[in-house]
Amino acid sequence: MKFTKGMIFVVLLVGGLLAVQRANAGVYGDELTKCIIESTSTENQIKFVRWIFALMSLHPDVKDMSLITDKQHEEINKDTANIFVLLLTETCKEQAKKVMKYEGQAAFESSFKVLGQVAMRELMSNPKVKAGTGAFAKYIDEDKMKYLKPSE
């Protein structure tokens, strides 16, 4: 199984980010997904989320909100590459080979979408993050939102 830089980028970016729906994977893709999820420690899930966060911080519209240094980006990229290589060449090697042989790249990407979802769920379950998700509500103008209430 040969991975080009472009393929790795597509798999991680398209496959690993906050996908809402899972692509239709076949039996081999399902097995790869199970292996990836069961084999990825909480620590590595957090490293994956750190990569997603660092990647988003590169966008010019939010770059001013992040203090991630070039050196930190490099370390985060190394961590992500190590996770990717570990999963696909050791831990889930046989499943990955079957996906590439029988189902193709879309099923392969689907497995990493699910990893992204699981990793984000772990991050979002933190009590401080949970509390922060509703912090904006105090600024909502209730009078303007009244039209949403059901009519009696």
Protein backbone atom coordinates (compact mmCIF):
# COMPACT_ATOMS: atom_id res chain seq x y z
CA MET A 1 0.00 0.00 0.00
CA LYS A 2 1.69 3.19 -1.17
CA PHE A 3 0.54 6.53 0.23
CA THR A 4 1.27 9.72 -1.60
CA LYS A 5 1.43 13.01 0.27
CA GLY A 6 -1.73 14.07 -1.52
CA MET A 7 -3.58 10.93 -0.47
CA ILE A 8 -2.50 11.31 3.15
CA PHE A 9 -3.63 14.93 3.11
CA VAL A 10 -7.02 14.02 1.66
CA VAL A 11 -7.51 11.14 4.10
CA LEU A 12 -6.63 13.21 7.14
CA LEU A 13 -8.23 16.46 6.13
CA VAL A 14 -11.38 15.23 4.46
CA GLY A 15 -11.57 12.00 6.42
CA GLY A 16 -10.62 13.14 9.87
CA LEU A 17 -12.31 16.47 10.33
CA LEU A 18 -15.70 17.05 11.80
CA ALA A 19 -17.74 15.03 9.36
CA VAL A 20 -21.41 14.92 10.18
CA GLN A 21 -22.31 11.77 8.32
CA ARG A 22 -20.37 8.63 7.70
CA ALA A 23 -19.84 7.60 4.09
CA ASN A 24 -21.20 4.24 3.05
CA ALA A 25 -18.49 1.80 3.94
CA GLY A 26 -18.63 -1.87 3.27
CA VAL A 27 -17.72 -4.73 5.54
CA TYR A 28 -13.98 -4.08 5.21
CA GLY A 29 -14.36 -0.39 5.94
CA ASP A 30 -16.46 -1.21 8.98
CA GLU A 31 -13.75 -3.55 10.23
CA LEU A 32 -11.07 -0.90 9.70
CA THR A 33 -13.18 1.66 11.53
CA LYS A 34 -13.66 -0.70 14.48
CA CYS A 35 -9.95 -1.41 14.61
CA ILE A 36 -8.99 2.26 14.43
CA ILE A 37 -11.45 3.28 17.14
CA GLU A 38 -10.61 0.39 19.46
CA SER A 39 -6.86 0.85 18.92
CA THR A 40 -6.60 4.60 19.34
CA SER A 41 -5.94 5.59 22.93
CA THR A 42 -7.59 8.62 24.48
CA GLU A 43 -4.15 10.24 24.44
CA ASN A 44 -3.85 9.70 20.68
CA GLN A 45 -7.41 10.89 20.12
CA ILE A 46 -6.49 14.13 21.86
CA LYS A 47 -3.36 14.40 19.71
CA PHE A 48 -5.59 14.00 16.65
CA VAL A 49 -7.91 16.77 17.88
CA ARG A 50 -4.87 18.96 18.56
CA TRP A 51 -3.90 18.47 14.91
CA ILE A 52 -7.39 19.49 13.77
CA PHE A 53 -7.26 22.56 16.03
CA ALA A 54 -3.77 23.50 14.84
CA LEU A 55 -4.84 23.05 11.24
CA MET A 56 -7.84 25.32 11.68
CA SER A 57 -5.64 27.91 13.40
CA LEU A 58 -3.77 28.41 10.13
CA HIS A 59 -6.80 30.03 8.52
CA PRO A 60 -6.25 33.81 8.23
CA ASP A 61 -9.65 34.61 9.74
CA VAL A 62 -8.83 32.86 13.03
CA LYS A 63 -5.05 32.92 13.10
CA ASP A 64 -5.05 35.89 15.51
CA MET A 65 -6.85 33.71 18.08
CA SER A 66 -4.08 31.11 18.30
CA LEU A 67 -0.61 31.29 19.74
CA ILE A 68 0.56 28.02 18.17
CA THR A 69 4.18 28.39 17.11
CA ASP A 70 5.74 26.89 13.99
CA LYS A 71 7.65 24.49 16.24
CA GLN A 72 4.39 23.37 17.89
CA HIS A 73 2.79 22.87 14.47
CA GLU A 74 5.73 20.69 13.50
CA GLU A 75 5.43 18.57 16.67
CA ILE A 76 1.68 18.21 16.22
CA ASN A 77 2.20 17.12 12.60
CA LYS A 78 4.78 14.54 13.72
CA ASP A 79 2.40 13.18 16.36
CA THR A 80 -0.40 12.86 13.81
CA ALA A 81 1.86 11.16 11.27
CA ASN A 82 2.99 8.69 13.93
CA ILE A 83 -0.61 7.85 14.82
CA PHE A 84 -1.51 7.44 11.13
CA VAL A 85 1.48 5.18 10.46
CA LEU A 86 0.95 3.11 13.61
CA LEU A 87 -2.69 2.46 12.79
CA LEU A 88 -2.19 1.64 9.12
CA THR A 89 1.09 -0.27 9.17
CA GLU A 90 0.89 -2.10 12.50
CA THR A 91 -2.30 -2.06 14.55
CA CYS A 92 -4.86 -2.22 11.71
CA LYS A 93 -2.60 -3.27 8.84
CA GLU A 94 -4.67 -6.19 7.58
CA GLN A 95 -7.92 -4.23 7.72
CA ALA A 96 -6.33 -1.29 5.89
CA LYS A 97 -5.00 -3.56 3.14
CA LYS A 98 -8.42 -5.10 2.60
CA VAL A 99 -10.13 -1.69 2.47
CA MET A 100 -7.70 -0.42 -0.15
CA LYS A 101 -8.03 -3.64 -2.16
CA TYR A 102 -11.79 -4.12 -2.07
CA GLU A 103 -13.47 -0.83 -1.19
CA GLY A 104 -11.14 1.97 -2.17
CA GLN A 105 -10.21 5.32 -0.76
CA ALA A 106 -13.72 6.49 0.14
CA ALA A 107 -14.16 3.69 2.67
CA PHE A 108 -10.66 4.35 3.94
CA GLU A 109 -11.50 8.04 4.45
CA SER A 110 -14.72 7.07 6.21
CA SER A 111 -12.77 5.30 8.93
CA PHE A 112 -10.83 8.46 9.70
CA LYS A 113 -14.02 10.53 9.70
CA VAL A 114 -15.28 8.34 12.50
CA LEU A 115 -11.98 8.71 14.38
CA GLY A 116 -12.37 12.49 14.10
CA GLN A 117 -15.91 12.25 15.48
CA VAL A 118 -14.88 10.03 18.39
CA ALA A 119 -11.91 12.25 19.20
CA MET A 120 -14.05 15.40 19.15
CA ARG A 121 -16.66 13.72 21.35
CA GLU A 122 -13.90 13.01 23.87
CA LEU A 123 -12.77 16.62 23.80
CA MET A 124 -16.30 18.01 24.02
CA SER A 125 -17.11 15.81 27.04
CA ASN A 126 -14.73 17.83 29.21
CA PRO A 127 -16.78 19.73 31.86
CA LYS A 128 -15.10 23.07 31.05
CA VAL A 129 -15.84 22.66 27.35
CA LYS A 130 -19.42 21.62 28.08
CA ALA A 131 -19.91 24.69 30.25
CA GLY A 132 -18.39 26.90 27.58
CA THR A 133 -20.72 25.67 24.85
CA GLY A 134 -23.66 27.51 26.39
CA ALA A 135 -21.78 30.63 27.49
CA PHE A 136 -23.03 32.62 24.49
CA ALA A 137 -26.65 32.15 25.58
CA LYS A 138 -26.48 35.06 28.02
CA TYR A 139 -26.13 37.40 25.04
CA ILE A 140 -29.20 36.15 23.17
CA ASP A 141 -31.99 38.69 22.88
CA GLU A 142 -34.95 36.69 24.20
CA ASP A 143 -37.49 39.18 22.79
CA LYS A 144 -36.22 38.55 19.26
CA MET A 145 -36.40 34.80 19.80
CA LYS A 146 -40.04 34.74 20.96
CA TYR A 147 -41.30 33.98 17.47
CA LEU A 148 -39.79 30.50 17.82
CA LYS A 149 -42.15 29.53 20.64
CA PRO A 150 -45.14 27.44 19.55
CA SER A 151 -48.45 29.27 19.20
CA GLU A 152 -51.11 28.48 21.73
